[in-house]
């Protein structure tokens, strides 16, 4: 089972004049939804916290099904074996998955 965690893209920049959140958010995803749900349950996350994925569109990149997690949850996930990756790596992996190539 491979579960990944990365920082939510777009943080650290002002958005419409608002300052960035002082607490960063992270994204927990996996190669399959079954793996993701199982791992999320071990962190105490519920299915109501799950964000379903969306397919790629004409002007939209694909988004994997995921859970948004706090810094503390991210640290617990890494301690339980989640692999930290960059947001760029996550984007590349999701594009490969959408193209039917799977994660690599």
Protein backbone atom coordinates (compact mmCIF):
# COMPACT_ATOMS: atom_id res chain seq x y z
CA UNK A 1 0.00 0.00 0.00
CA UNK A 2 1.33 3.43 -0.89
CA UNK A 3 -0.24 6.52 0.60
CA UNK A 4 1.07 9.97 -0.23
CA UNK A 5 0.86 13.31 1.54
CA UNK A 6 1.71 16.73 0.16
CA UNK A 7 1.12 20.37 0.92
CA UNK A 8 -2.03 21.83 -0.59
CA UNK A 9 -1.07 23.91 -3.62
CA UNK A 10 -1.53 27.68 -3.55
CA UNK A 11 -0.70 28.19 0.10
CA UNK A 12 1.78 30.83 1.04
CA UNK A 13 0.41 33.38 -1.42
CA UNK A 14 -2.11 36.10 -0.77
CA UNK A 15 -5.49 35.33 -2.33
CA UNK A 16 -7.76 38.25 -3.23
CA UNK A 17 -6.01 40.45 -0.70
CA UNK A 18 -6.32 37.94 2.14
CA UNK A 19 -3.27 36.75 3.97
CA UNK A 20 -2.39 33.06 3.82
CA UNK A 21 -3.63 30.76 6.55
CA UNK A 22 -1.08 30.49 9.39
CA UNK A 23 -1.68 26.74 9.54
CA UNK A 24 -0.87 24.90 6.31
CA UNK A 25 -3.18 22.22 4.94
CA UNK A 26 -2.03 18.98 3.38
CA UNK A 27 -3.56 16.43 1.01
CA UNK A 28 -3.64 12.71 1.77
CA UNK A 29 -4.07 10.49 -1.30
CA UNK A 30 -3.23 6.93 -2.36
CA UNK A 31 -2.95 4.67 -5.36
CA UNK A 32 -6.50 3.39 -4.78
CA UNK A 33 -9.51 4.72 -2.91
CA UNK A 34 -9.66 1.53 -0.84
CA UNK A 35 -6.09 2.09 0.35
CA UNK A 36 -6.85 5.73 1.04
CA UNK A 37 -10.00 5.03 3.09
CA UNK A 38 -8.27 2.34 5.12
CA UNK A 39 -5.32 4.57 5.91
CA UNK A 40 -7.53 7.55 6.68
CA UNK A 41 -9.53 5.43 9.14
CA UNK A 42 -6.27 4.55 10.94
CA UNK A 43 -5.77 8.32 11.42
CA UNK A 44 -9.28 8.70 12.80
CA UNK A 45 -10.63 10.45 9.69
CA UNK A 46 -14.20 9.70 8.65
CA UNK A 47 -15.55 9.17 5.14
CA UNK A 48 -17.49 12.43 5.40
CA UNK A 49 -14.10 14.15 5.22
CA UNK A 50 -13.32 12.50 1.86
CA UNK A 51 -13.14 14.71 -1.23
CA UNK A 52 -13.94 12.71 -4.39
CA UNK A 53 -11.68 13.17 -7.36
CA UNK A 54 -12.58 14.94 -10.57
CA UNK A 55 -11.52 14.00 -14.10
CA UNK A 56 -9.46 16.25 -16.30
CA UNK A 57 -11.37 18.78 -18.35
CA UNK A 58 -10.51 21.10 -21.23
CA UNK A 59 -8.96 23.66 -18.87
CA UNK A 60 -8.81 21.63 -15.68
CA UNK A 61 -6.21 19.21 -14.36
CA UNK A 62 -7.42 15.96 -12.83
CA UNK A 63 -7.78 15.85 -9.05
CA UNK A 64 -7.41 12.59 -7.12
CA UNK A 65 -9.83 11.62 -4.41
CA UNK A 66 -8.28 12.81 -1.17
CA UNK A 67 -8.59 13.92 2.42
CA UNK A 68 -7.51 17.40 3.49
CA UNK A 69 -5.44 17.10 6.66
CA UNK A 70 -3.83 19.42 9.18
CA UNK A 71 -0.11 19.60 9.93
CA UNK A 72 -0.56 17.33 12.96
CA UNK A 73 -2.50 14.76 10.91
CA UNK A 74 0.16 14.97 8.21
CA UNK A 75 2.88 14.22 10.77
CA UNK A 76 0.91 11.24 12.13
CA UNK A 77 0.35 9.98 8.58
CA UNK A 78 4.09 10.10 7.86
CA UNK A 79 4.79 8.27 11.14
CA UNK A 80 2.34 5.56 9.99
CA UNK A 81 4.10 5.20 6.64
CA UNK A 82 2.65 7.81 4.27
CA UNK A 83 5.22 8.99 1.76
CA UNK A 84 5.76 12.78 1.70
CA UNK A 85 5.90 14.17 -1.83
CA UNK A 86 5.91 17.64 -3.33
CA UNK A 87 2.81 19.21 -4.85
CA UNK A 88 4.57 19.01 -8.23
CA UNK A 89 5.14 15.28 -7.82
CA UNK A 90 1.48 14.85 -6.87
CA UNK A 91 0.39 16.74 -9.99
CA UNK A 92 2.62 14.60 -12.23
CA UNK A 93 1.37 11.39 -10.64
CA UNK A 94 -2.27 12.41 -11.05
CA UNK A 95 -1.76 13.26 -14.72
CA UNK A 96 -0.18 9.82 -15.25
CA UNK A 97 -3.07 8.16 -13.44
CA UNK A 98 -5.61 10.08 -15.54
CA UNK A 99 -3.78 8.97 -18.70
CA UNK A 100 -4.11 5.34 -17.56
CA UNK A 101 -0.42 4.96 -16.79
CA UNK A 102 -0.78 4.53 -13.02
CA UNK A 103 1.55 5.96 -10.42
CA UNK A 104 5.30 5.57 -10.74
